[in-house]
Protein backbone atom coordinates (compact mmCIF):
# COMPACT_ATOMS: atom_id res chain seq x y z
CA MET A 1 101.14 148.65 131.43
CA LYS A 2 102.09 148.36 127.74
CA ILE A 3 101.07 145.65 125.22
CA VAL A 4 103.51 145.07 122.41
CA VAL A 5 103.70 142.77 119.56
CA ASP A 6 106.91 140.33 119.52
CA GLY A 7 108.82 138.86 116.39
CA ASP A 8 106.38 135.70 116.71
CA GLY A 9 103.41 138.00 116.21
CA LYS A 10 102.19 137.43 119.87
CA PHE A 11 100.92 140.21 121.78
CA VAL A 12 103.13 140.65 125.02
CA ALA A 13 102.23 142.63 127.94
CA LEU A 14 104.87 144.64 129.87
CA SER A 15 103.26 144.84 133.01
CA SER A 16 103.40 144.79 136.96
CA PHE A 17 102.65 142.28 139.33
CA GLU A 18 99.33 144.02 140.49
CA GLU A 19 98.01 143.82 136.69
CA LYS A 20 97.94 139.90 136.51
CA ASP A 21 94.70 139.54 137.41
CA LEU A 22 93.41 141.74 134.54
CA LEU A 23 95.41 140.01 132.12
CA LYS A 24 94.45 136.68 133.43
CA ASN A 25 90.54 137.60 133.04
CA SER A 26 91.41 138.71 129.32
CA GLY A 27 92.47 135.41 128.50
CA PHE A 28 96.41 136.25 128.42
CA TYR A 29 98.77 133.05 129.39
CA TRP A 30 101.62 133.27 131.79
CA ASP A 31 104.93 132.42 130.42
CA SER A 32 106.96 131.16 133.47
CA LYS A 33 110.41 131.35 131.55
CA LEU A 34 109.88 134.75 129.99
CA ARG A 35 108.12 136.06 133.15
CA LYS A 36 105.53 137.62 131.00
CA TRP A 37 101.85 137.70 130.22
CA TRP A 38 100.98 136.86 126.27
CA THR A 39 98.27 135.86 123.80
CA ASN A 40 98.13 135.38 119.97
CA ASP A 41 94.41 135.80 119.92
CA VAL A 42 93.61 139.17 118.48
CA GLU A 43 90.00 139.18 120.26
CA LYS A 44 91.77 138.74 123.49
CA ALA A 45 94.31 141.20 122.95
CA MET A 46 91.75 144.08 122.00
CA LEU A 47 90.18 143.71 125.37
CA LEU A 48 93.18 145.40 126.49
CA SER A 49 93.34 147.95 123.40
CA ASP A 50 93.91 151.14 125.87
CA PHE A 51 97.16 149.73 126.66
CA PHE A 52 98.21 149.28 122.76
CA ASP A 53 101.32 151.20 121.93
CA GLN A 54 101.76 152.84 118.39
CA SER A 55 103.66 149.92 116.88
CA THR A 56 100.91 147.43 118.12
CA TRP A 57 98.25 149.50 116.16
CA GLU A 58 100.55 149.46 113.05
CA TYR A 59 100.82 145.63 113.39
CA LEU A 60 97.14 145.20 113.69
CA VAL A 61 96.67 147.49 110.29
CA LYS A 62 99.18 145.26 108.43
CA LEU A 63 97.29 142.17 109.73
CA GLU A 64 94.23 143.43 108.79
CA GLU A 65 95.38 144.35 105.32
CA ARG A 66 96.90 140.65 105.08
CA LYS A 67 93.66 139.17 105.87
CA GLN A 68 91.95 140.98 103.21
CA GLN A 69 94.64 140.16 100.92
CA GLU A 70 94.42 136.55 101.72
CA MET A 71 90.62 136.49 101.22
CA VAL A 72 91.03 137.87 97.48
CA GLU A 73 93.86 135.39 96.78
CA SER A 74 91.52 132.57 98.26
CA SER A 75 89.28 132.72 95.27
CA LYS A 76 91.94 134.11 92.55
CA THR A 77 91.38 133.00 88.75
CA TYR A 78 94.32 134.72 87.19
CA SER A 79 98.06 134.36 87.72
CA ASP A 80 101.28 134.66 85.77
CA PHE A 81 102.89 132.58 88.42
CA HIS A 82 106.01 130.56 86.66
CA VAL A 83 105.25 126.64 86.86
CA PRO A 84 107.94 124.59 85.40
CA LEU A 85 106.18 122.04 82.95
CA PRO A 86 107.16 119.43 80.19
CA ASN A 87 107.21 120.92 76.77
CA GLY A 88 103.53 121.02 75.32
CA ILE A 89 101.99 121.09 78.57
CA SER A 90 100.58 124.34 80.15
CA LEU A 91 98.24 125.32 82.93
CA TYR A 92 95.06 127.83 82.81
CA PRO A 93 95.81 131.14 84.60
CA TYR A 94 93.48 129.91 87.42
CA GLN A 95 95.54 126.65 87.76
CA ARG A 96 98.75 128.77 88.00
CA ALA A 97 97.00 130.82 90.90
CA GLY A 98 96.21 127.41 92.48
CA VAL A 99 99.97 126.49 92.31
CA GLU A 100 100.85 129.79 93.79
CA PHE A 101 98.44 129.52 96.62
CA LEU A 102 99.79 126.02 97.11
CA VAL A 103 103.48 127.16 97.39
CA LYS A 104 102.72 130.38 99.40
CA HIS A 105 101.02 128.45 102.32
CA LYS A 106 101.85 125.51 104.19
CA ASN A 107 98.95 123.38 105.12
CA VAL A 108 96.27 124.19 102.55
CA MET A 109 92.69 122.73 101.26
CA LEU A 110 92.35 123.21 97.34
CA ALA A 111 88.55 123.09 97.22
CA ASP A 112 87.88 123.71 93.71
CA GLU A 113 84.80 122.33 91.92
CA GLN A 114 85.15 119.10 90.22
CA ARG A 115 87.15 118.76 87.12
CA LEU A 116 88.76 121.90 87.37
CA GLY A 117 92.29 120.18 87.70
CA LYS A 118 93.23 119.77 91.19
CA THR A 119 95.40 116.92 90.36
CA TYR A 120 97.24 119.33 87.70
CA GLN A 121 97.67 121.86 90.17
CA THR A 122 99.10 119.79 92.83
CA LEU A 123 101.73 118.40 90.54
CA GLY A 124 102.64 121.78 89.53
CA PHE A 125 103.23 122.49 93.13
CA VAL A 126 105.74 119.73 93.16
CA ASN A 127 107.68 120.94 90.22
CA VAL A 128 108.05 124.47 91.96
CA ALA A 129 108.60 123.23 95.43
CA ARG A 130 110.67 120.02 94.38
CA PRO A 131 110.04 118.00 97.77
CA LYS A 132 112.02 114.79 98.23
CA ASP A 133 109.38 112.40 99.28
CA VAL A 134 105.64 112.82 98.33
CA LEU A 135 102.79 110.55 99.41
CA ILE A 136 99.25 110.75 97.70
CA VAL A 137 96.60 109.26 99.71
CA CYS A 138 93.20 108.72 97.25
CA PRO A 139 90.58 106.53 96.59
CA ALA A 140 91.36 103.16 94.69
CA THR A 141 89.75 104.21 91.57
CA VAL A 142 92.03 107.18 90.72
CA LYS A 143 95.35 105.48 91.84
CA SER A 144 96.08 104.82 88.06
CA GLU A 145 95.23 108.34 87.19
CA TRP A 146 97.72 109.94 89.64
CA LYS A 147 100.24 107.72 88.39
CA TYR A 148 99.70 108.64 84.76
CA ASN A 149 99.38 112.42 85.18
CA ALA A 150 102.60 112.24 87.70
CA GLU A 151 104.54 110.61 84.69
CA LYS A 152 103.35 113.21 82.50
CA LEU A 153 103.68 116.37 84.21
CA LEU A 154 106.64 115.75 86.80
CA VAL A 155 109.88 117.65 85.47
CA ASP A 156 112.24 116.09 88.14
CA GLU A 157 112.96 112.43 87.96
CA TYR A 158 110.84 110.65 90.78
CA ASN A 159 110.45 107.28 91.82
CA ILE A 160 106.77 106.80 91.05
CA GLN A 161 105.30 104.02 92.68
CA VAL A 162 101.74 102.84 93.33
CA ILE A 163 101.43 100.96 96.74
CA GLY A 164 99.54 97.61 96.61
CA LYS A 165 100.09 94.11 97.69
CA ASP A 166 103.91 94.83 98.18
CA PHE A 167 105.71 98.12 99.86
CA PRO A 168 108.01 99.53 97.00
CA LEU A 169 111.63 100.43 97.91
CA PRO A 170 112.49 104.09 98.23
CA SER A 171 115.04 105.80 95.93
CA VAL A 172 117.67 106.37 98.68
CA ASN A 173 119.45 109.30 96.36
CA GLY A 174 116.56 110.42 94.20
CA ARG A 175 112.88 111.50 95.00
CA ASN A 176 109.80 109.18 95.91
CA PHE A 177 106.39 109.91 94.73
CA TYR A 178 104.11 107.06 96.37
CA ILE A 179 100.52 106.57 95.85
CA ILE A 180 98.24 104.57 98.22
CA ASN A 181 94.66 104.29 98.44
CA TYR A 182 92.27 104.62 101.46
CA ASP A 183 91.26 101.13 101.99
CA ILE A 184 94.90 99.83 102.50
CA LEU A 185 96.25 102.44 104.67
CA LYS A 186 96.13 100.28 108.03
CA LYS A 187 98.03 97.52 106.19
CA TRP A 188 101.01 99.97 105.40
CA GLU A 189 100.70 102.17 108.20
CA PRO A 190 103.95 101.07 110.02
CA MET A 191 105.90 101.39 106.87
CA LEU A 192 104.39 105.10 106.25
CA ARG A 193 105.18 106.23 109.64
CA ARG A 194 108.22 108.14 108.34
CA LYS A 195 109.42 111.54 107.31
CA TRP A 196 107.24 113.00 104.20
CA ASP A 197 107.86 116.45 102.73
CA VAL A 198 104.17 116.17 101.41
CA ILE A 199 101.19 114.40 102.18
CA VAL A 200 98.13 115.06 99.68
CA PHE A 201 94.75 113.33 100.79
CA ASP A 202 92.68 113.44 97.42
CA GLU A 203 88.85 113.61 97.80
CA SER A 204 89.53 114.45 101.63
CA HIS A 205 85.92 114.64 102.41
CA LYS A 206 86.46 110.88 102.65
CA LEU A 207 87.81 111.72 106.15
CA LYS A 208 84.92 113.48 107.53
CA ASN A 209 83.89 111.25 110.18
CA LYS A 210 85.78 111.08 113.37
CA GLY A 211 88.45 108.34 114.42
CA TRP A 212 90.31 108.05 117.64
CA ALA A 213 92.30 105.66 119.57
CA VAL A 214 91.51 104.26 123.01
CA LYS A 215 94.30 102.52 124.90
CA LYS A 216 93.24 99.55 127.27
CA VAL A 217 94.65 96.39 128.91
CA VAL A 218 94.05 92.91 127.66
CA ASP A 219 95.99 90.19 129.08
CA GLY A 220 98.13 92.25 130.87
CA LYS A 221 99.41 94.06 127.90
CA GLU A 222 98.28 97.51 126.74
CA VAL A 223 96.65 97.76 123.23
CA VAL A 224 95.21 100.62 120.99
CA GLU A 225 91.81 100.00 119.95
CA ILE A 226 90.54 102.55 117.17
CA LYS A 227 87.10 103.91 117.40
CA GLY A 228 85.08 105.48 114.71
CA THR A 229 86.60 105.69 111.19
CA GLU A 230 89.58 103.89 110.88
CA ARG A 231 90.91 105.95 107.88
CA THR A 232 90.51 109.29 109.72
CA TYR A 233 92.35 108.20 112.39
CA ILE A 234 95.18 106.82 110.34
CA ALA A 235 95.42 109.93 108.29
CA THR A 236 95.65 111.95 111.30
CA GLN A 237 98.39 109.98 112.78
CA LEU A 238 100.40 110.05 109.22
CA SER A 239 100.02 114.07 108.95
CA ASN A 240 102.18 114.27 112.02
CA TYR A 241 105.16 112.82 109.82
CA ALA A 242 104.54 115.72 107.15
CA ASP A 243 106.02 118.88 106.54
CA LYS A 244 103.19 119.96 104.64
CA ILE A 245 99.39 118.79 104.02
CA ILE A 246 97.29 119.41 101.11
CA LEU A 247 93.60 118.47 101.16
CA LEU A 248 91.93 118.02 97.72
CA THR A 249 88.14 118.15 97.49
CA GLY A 250 85.49 119.29 95.47
CA THR A 251 83.14 118.92 97.94
CA PRO A 252 84.31 120.51 101.28
CA ILE A 253 81.02 119.68 103.14
CA MET A 254 78.78 116.99 102.10
CA ASN A 255 75.98 117.24 104.29
CA ARG A 256 76.96 119.28 107.19
CA PRO A 257 79.60 122.02 107.76
CA ASP A 258 80.94 120.45 110.94
CA GLU A 259 82.10 117.64 108.77
CA PHE A 260 85.10 120.16 108.15
CA PHE A 261 86.50 119.56 111.54
CA THR A 262 88.33 116.36 110.96
CA GLN A 263 89.96 117.71 107.65
CA LEU A 264 90.92 120.69 109.88
CA LYS A 265 92.60 118.58 112.31
CA ILE A 266 94.65 116.62 110.03
CA ALA A 267 95.93 119.83 108.48
CA LYS A 268 97.00 121.45 111.91
CA HIS A 269 94.44 124.47 111.28
CA PRO A 270 94.07 126.21 114.56
CA LEU A 271 90.21 125.39 114.23
CA GLY A 272 90.95 121.69 114.35
CA ARG A 273 92.53 121.74 118.01
CA SER A 274 89.64 121.52 119.91
CA TRP A 275 86.19 119.85 118.83
CA LYS A 276 84.41 121.59 122.01
CA LYS A 277 85.53 125.00 121.00
CA PHE A 278 84.62 124.23 117.47
CA ALA A 279 81.11 123.06 117.97
CA ASP A 280 80.58 125.97 120.76
CA ARG A 281 81.55 128.46 117.77
CA PHE A 282 79.93 127.32 114.83
CA LEU A 283 77.20 124.61 115.73
CA ILE A 284 73.69 125.16 117.20
CA ARG A 285 73.52 121.99 119.51
CA GLU A 286 70.58 121.02 121.65
CA ALA A 287 70.71 118.51 124.58
CA ARG A 288 68.44 115.49 124.41
CA SER A 289 67.79 112.92 127.27
CA ASN A 290 71.03 110.91 126.10
CA TRP A 291 72.80 112.83 123.48
CA VAL A 292 73.58 116.17 122.23
CA GLU A 293 72.21 116.86 118.61
CA THR A 294 73.48 119.42 116.07
CA VAL A 295 70.26 121.24 114.82
CA GLY A 296 71.83 124.02 112.88
CA TYR A 297 75.03 126.38 112.23
CA LYS A 298 76.16 129.60 113.44
CA ASN A 299 78.57 132.47 112.55
CA LEU A 300 79.10 131.04 108.99
CA GLU A 301 80.37 134.31 107.81
CA GLU A 302 82.94 134.02 110.16
CA PHE A 303 83.80 130.63 109.48
CA SER A 304 84.26 131.32 105.82
CA GLN A 305 86.49 134.21 106.56
CA ILE A 306 88.79 132.15 108.74
CA LEU A 307 88.97 129.38 105.88
CA ARG A 308 89.85 131.54 103.23
CA GLN A 309 92.63 133.14 105.15
CA GLY A 310 95.58 131.54 104.00
CA PHE A 311 94.08 127.91 104.24
CA MET A 312 91.37 127.25 101.67
CA MET A 313 91.26 128.27 97.92
CA ARG A 314 87.83 127.45 96.05
CA ARG A 315 86.87 128.60 92.62
CA THR A 316 83.78 127.68 90.94
CA ARG A 317 83.56 126.67 87.06
CA GLU A 318 81.65 130.17 86.54
CA GLN A 319 84.46 132.00 88.05
CA VAL A 320 87.51 130.27 86.21
CA PHE A 321 86.28 129.50 82.98
CA PRO A 322 83.06 131.16 81.56
CA GLN A 323 83.01 128.71 78.68
CA LEU A 324 82.66 125.68 80.90
CA PRO A 325 79.84 123.38 79.81
CA THR A 326 76.68 124.29 81.64
CA LYS A 327 74.51 121.71 83.16
CA THR A 328 70.94 120.97 82.48
CA ARG A 329 68.51 118.69 84.34
CA GLU A 330 65.25 117.40 83.24
CA LEU A 331 62.80 115.13 85.37
CA ILE A 332 61.35 112.53 83.43
CA PRO A 333 58.00 111.47 85.23
CA VAL A 334 56.80 107.87 84.48
CA ASP A 335 53.15 107.02 85.51
CA ILE A 336 53.01 104.05 87.69
CA ASN A 337 50.54 102.27 85.23
CA ASP A 338 53.35 102.41 82.59
CA ILE A 339 55.67 99.94 84.45
CA GLU A 340 54.83 96.39 85.30
CA LEU A 341 53.62 96.35 88.92
CA THR A 342 51.09 94.26 90.34
CA GLU A 343 48.16 95.84 92.10
CA GLU A 344 49.29 94.63 95.43
CA VAL A 345 52.70 96.34 94.94
CA LYS A 346 50.97 99.58 93.68
CA MET A 347 48.92 99.63 96.86
CA ARG A 348 51.67 99.01 99.23
CA LEU A 349 53.68 102.08 97.47
CA ASP A 350 50.99 104.32 98.11
CA GLU A 351 50.87 103.31 101.72
CA LEU A 352 54.76 103.64 102.01
CA LEU A 353 54.31 107.01 100.74
CA ARG A 354 51.53 108.20 102.89
CA LYS A 355 53.17 106.70 106.03
CA TYR A 356 56.59 107.97 105.27
CA ASP A 357 55.33 111.49 104.59
CA GLY A 358 53.31 111.28 107.87
CA LEU A 359 56.57 110.31 110.06
CA ILE A 360 58.16 113.17 108.37
CA ARG A 361 55.44 115.58 109.33
CA ASN A 362 55.15 114.39 113.07
CA ILE A 363 58.96 114.39 113.51
CA GLU A 364 59.06 118.11 112.33
CA GLN A 365 56.30 119.09 114.59
CA LEU A 366 57.44 117.58 117.63
CA ASP A 367 60.93 119.08 116.93
CA ALA A 368 59.13 122.51 116.76
CA GLU A 369 57.55 121.71 119.84
CA VAL A 370 61.02 120.84 121.53
CA ARG A 371 62.35 124.06 120.25
CA SER A 372 59.56 126.37 121.56
CA GLY A 373 61.00 125.92 125.21
CA ASN A 374 58.15 124.33 126.69
CA ASN A 375 59.90 122.00 128.94
CA GLU A 376 56.50 120.30 130.37
CA ASN A 377 56.32 117.77 127.94
CA ARG A 378 60.22 117.91 126.48
CA LYS A 379 61.23 114.50 127.68
CA GLU A 380 58.13 112.83 126.37
CA TRP A 381 58.57 114.53 122.99
CA GLU A 382 62.02 113.69 122.79
CA GLU A 383 61.56 110.05 123.40
CA LYS A 384 58.54 110.18 120.71
CA ILE A 385 60.98 111.91 118.38
CA LYS A 386 63.72 109.12 118.94
CA GLN A 387 60.93 106.59 118.20
CA LEU A 388 59.71 108.19 115.20
CA LYS A 389 63.14 108.47 113.85
CA GLY A 390 63.80 105.01 114.67
CA GLU A 391 60.78 103.84 112.59
CA LEU A 392 61.97 105.98 109.68
CA TYR A 393 65.29 104.33 109.45
CA GLU A 394 63.64 101.13 109.68
CA MET A 395 61.50 101.97 106.91
CA THR A 396 64.22 103.54 104.91
CA VAL A 397 66.90 100.67 105.18
CA GLY A 398 63.94 98.01 105.04
CA GLU A 399 60.73 98.23 103.18
CA ILE A 400 61.44 101.64 101.27
CA SER A 401 64.87 100.28 100.13
CA HIS A 402 63.23 96.97 99.04
CA TYR A 403 60.45 98.82 97.03
CA ARG A 404 62.92 101.36 95.59
CA LYS A 405 64.97 98.47 94.16
CA ILE A 406 61.76 96.95 92.38
CA LEU A 407 61.03 100.48 90.97
CA SER A 408 64.54 100.75 89.84
CA GLU A 409 64.61 97.26 88.24
CA LYS A 410 60.93 98.07 86.76
CA LYS A 411 62.42 101.08 84.98
CA VAL A 412 64.69 99.23 82.90
CA ASN A 413 62.64 98.64 79.84
CA LEU A 414 61.42 102.16 80.07
CA THR A 415 64.94 103.25 80.27
CA ILE A 416 66.12 101.06 77.45
CA LYS A 417 63.61 102.68 75.31
CA PHE A 418 64.31 106.34 76.36
CA VAL A 419 67.93 105.84 75.58
CA TYR A 420 67.35 104.33 72.38
CA ASP A 421 65.51 107.61 71.24
CA LEU A 422 68.49 109.38 72.70
CA LEU A 423 70.89 107.68 70.59
CA GLU A 424 69.02 108.58 67.28
CA GLU A 425 70.39 112.07 68.25
CA VAL A 426 73.53 111.49 69.87
CA LYS A 427 76.44 109.49 69.70
CA GLN A 428 77.10 108.31 73.44
CA VAL A 429 75.05 108.24 76.82
CA VAL A 430 76.31 107.54 80.37
CA ILE A 431 73.48 105.66 82.45
CA PHE A 432 73.78 106.09 85.89
CA GLY A 433 72.21 103.93 88.88
CA HIS A 434 72.36 102.84 92.37
CA TYR A 435 71.36 99.42 92.30
CA THR A 436 73.65 96.84 90.90
CA SER A 437 70.80 94.28 89.88
CA THR A 438 69.46 97.28 87.80
CA LEU A 439 72.81 98.02 86.26
CA LEU A 440 73.22 94.43 85.59
CA LYS A 441 70.12 93.96 83.69
CA LEU A 442 70.92 96.90 81.54
CA LYS A 443 74.27 95.36 80.79
CA GLU A 444 72.80 91.91 79.72
CA HIS A 445 70.64 93.97 77.43
CA TYR A 446 73.30 95.87 75.72
CA GLY A 447 75.87 93.58 75.73
CA ASP A 448 79.39 94.74 74.13
CA LYS A 449 77.75 97.96 73.27
CA ALA A 450 78.20 99.18 76.94
CA GLY A 451 80.95 99.40 79.32
CA LEU A 452 80.01 98.57 83.18
CA LEU A 453 81.45 100.12 86.21
CA ILE A 454 79.99 98.80 89.42
CA GLY A 455 81.68 98.30 92.85
CA ASP A 456 83.47 94.94 92.04
CA THR A 457 84.78 96.01 88.42
CA PRO A 458 88.33 95.46 88.38
CA LEU A 459 90.47 98.56 88.06
CA LYS A 460 92.09 97.37 84.81
CA GLN A 461 88.75 96.95 83.31
CA ARG A 462 87.51 100.04 84.46
CA GLU A 463 90.54 101.94 82.77
CA GLU A 464 89.95 99.97 79.53
CA GLU A 465 86.51 100.70 79.03
CA ARG A 466 86.86 104.24 80.15
CA ILE A 467 89.32 104.65 77.45
CA GLN A 468 87.30 102.76 74.93
CA PHE A 469 84.15 104.89 75.56
CA ASN A 470 86.02 108.39 75.23
CA GLN A 471 87.64 107.16 72.11
CA GLY A 472 83.96 106.20 70.65
CA GLU A 473 84.24 102.71 70.76
CA LYS A 474 81.40 102.18 73.01
CA GLU A 475 78.22 104.15 72.66
CA LEU A 476 77.00 103.29 76.58
CA MET A 477 78.53 103.46 79.75
CA ILE A 478 76.56 101.90 82.76
CA VAL A 479 77.90 103.29 86.01
CA SER A 480 77.12 102.91 89.64
CA THR A 481 76.67 106.44 91.26
CA ARG A 482 78.49 105.53 94.30
CA ALA A 483 81.49 103.39 92.52
CA GLY A 484 82.05 105.76 89.33
CA GLY A 485 80.97 109.05 90.96
CA GLU A 486 84.50 110.12 91.62
CA GLY A 487 87.87 110.11 89.67
CA VAL A 488 86.69 109.07 86.27
CA SER A 489 85.79 110.93 83.25
CA TYR A 490 83.48 110.18 80.53
CA SER A 491 83.30 113.53 78.94
CA SER A 492 83.17 112.25 75.55
CA ALA A 493 79.25 112.06 76.29
CA ASP A 494 76.84 115.08 76.65
CA ILE A 495 73.92 113.16 77.86
CA GLY A 496 73.45 111.44 81.30
CA VAL A 497 70.63 109.50 82.40
CA PHE A 498 69.86 108.52 86.04
CA ILE A 499 67.61 105.47 86.61
CA ASP A 500 67.38 106.17 90.38
CA TRP A 501 68.72 108.18 92.96
CA ASP A 502 71.08 108.23 95.77
CA TRP A 503 70.01 109.78 99.22
CA ASN A 504 72.90 112.30 98.84
CA PRO A 505 72.63 115.12 96.59
CA LYS A 506 76.36 115.77 96.48
CA VAL A 507 76.91 111.91 95.13
CA MET A 508 74.35 112.70 92.32
CA GLU A 509 76.20 116.04 91.67
CA GLN A 510 79.54 114.38 91.56
CA ALA A 511 78.34 111.64 89.36
CA GLU A 512 76.94 114.28 86.89
CA ASP A 513 80.62 115.95 86.74
CA ARG A 514 81.94 112.61 85.26
CA LEU A 515 80.61 114.37 81.74
CA VAL A 516 82.43 117.55 82.53
CA ASP A 517 85.79 118.40 80.81
CA ILE A 518 87.20 122.03 81.21
CA THR A 519 88.54 121.96 77.63
CA GLN A 520 85.40 121.28 76.10
CA ASN A 521 82.54 123.80 75.59
CA ARG A 522 79.60 121.78 75.24
CA PRO A 523 76.24 121.90 77.34
CA LYS A 524 75.92 118.81 79.39
CA MET A 525 72.18 117.12 79.75
CA TYR A 526 71.01 114.94 82.49
CA TYR A 527 67.83 113.15 82.63
CA TYR A 528 66.26 111.75 85.83
CA ILE A 529 63.70 108.94 85.50
CA ILE A 530 61.08 108.96 88.35
CA VAL A 531 57.93 107.04 88.99
CA ASP A 532 55.21 110.06 89.68
CA LYS A 533 53.22 110.09 92.83
CA THR A 534 55.51 107.40 94.43
CA ILE A 535 58.30 107.14 97.12
CA ASP A 536 60.55 107.56 94.03
CA ALA A 537 59.21 111.09 93.39
CA TYR A 538 58.87 111.88 96.96
CA ILE A 539 62.61 111.10 97.53
CA ALA A 540 63.65 113.12 94.37
CA LYS A 541 61.90 116.10 96.08
CA LYS A 542 63.60 115.75 99.34
CA ILE A 543 66.96 115.26 97.60
CA LEU A 544 66.60 118.45 95.71
CA GLU A 545 65.60 120.27 99.02
CA LYS A 546 68.62 119.03 100.73
CA GLU A 547 70.76 119.99 97.87
CA ALA A 548 69.33 123.42 97.94
CA LEU A 549 70.43 123.89 101.69
CA ILE A 550 73.94 122.45 100.79
CA ASN A 551 74.20 124.99 98.27
CA LYS A 552 73.04 127.76 100.44
CA VAL A 553 75.80 126.77 103.12
CA MET A 554 78.35 126.57 100.40
CA ASP A 555 77.67 130.01 98.99
CA LYS A 556 78.57 131.55 102.26
CA ILE A 557 81.81 129.60 101.98
């Protein structure tokens, strides 16, 4: 027997009938048309390395060299790659390297940290590749920014349209550049099911949750019911109509690396073909009584290497631009007696803190017992863990949320005083908060001095107030960490004040990045106001621990 490599990079066995069991047991596939055994898996082929001919070994050497080169390219920070641009506009060397990466590889993820110009790099790619039909799928808050930048950067004449209430007519003889937000994908899905040269999914981590279709018969007719996350299912379907997929995210994982899977599936990456194989390879999972739980991760170095091989490019600010503004955080603890709370509320806050901490400790202790391998009380412990997690969840969305809101509102007066002192030293401040009621109280106090961005702020008003703020016409912006944490920039300010915390540390980090502009060389300072020795401070501690875990995983990627 001899194993060679064909023109498609497959390992093909030139073998006899008697050798079929050896090939089958090694994971090779039988091609009935060619009447040969084959595999494109290097690991499986290596099981039979004794049968490699010289050309096969030479191919493997070149393959390894290519992988190493791709690893280097995935974090490349300099390139003189030519990118056509309008007069007066240029890209940084690392952005040219990004465009080169997008051009060289088919389906890719550009995962640079926030505010490093992923939009510019994508539009640079369009200028080089000159695709006829481009679809940008993004959050509603950045549709206008995409349109503005496309009109400014694209060299060829494109029919640039934002899809909203109506679906625009395509340019039959020209080039089409359509922009749509995730929220209305379902409405226009039938119209979007057409050939696209490129589909870009901006903030692709929004597609982290699974979505799938189930066929069933209703009144004698077969209908499709979407389970899980609808936007992910539709995005997956649309990806089948694209010659090229580009995923853009500054947060390739939010809380867990397994949330990569749906994005890999959309991008047609080999790791996205089978959830079971992906989970077996990279997740540590434990069977509970009625479900399987992910309790950890494995083979992260291998995972990182695979992503870096021609799929994911990621550069940090420190890597690409040493003069990028550094971020400094400072906690501002507030004594509970310095805010207007009744003694009853103070007592209840203390009880909540002790109860919440007790539940966390009990869950961790029982979970350790389950993992110890002692099966005698395993089912009882698992049921207890499930019960305690239920209590924890009920506390979080119920009473804790209620009292967090109270604390947030009660911090308004202290925040006003704190910001007043800041404005004696700086010209502008951005105030971030989670609770709308708190933000509205701040807006009521500041009036026209402050812009406001919350969930229901109209897009036109968001853009107008963003421009006014960055031009120095307003000294304050009051911003929801969720609604304003992505796609907008308040880089004229150097100070951010957080009146409360979001549970997700990446949401907080994205909010911080709204003050960062890569063309500036000014340090940014963030103040977090917390009520000491309460659930408010406890949550802050847990979030910082959670962020440290995420950063540890991200450092391996």
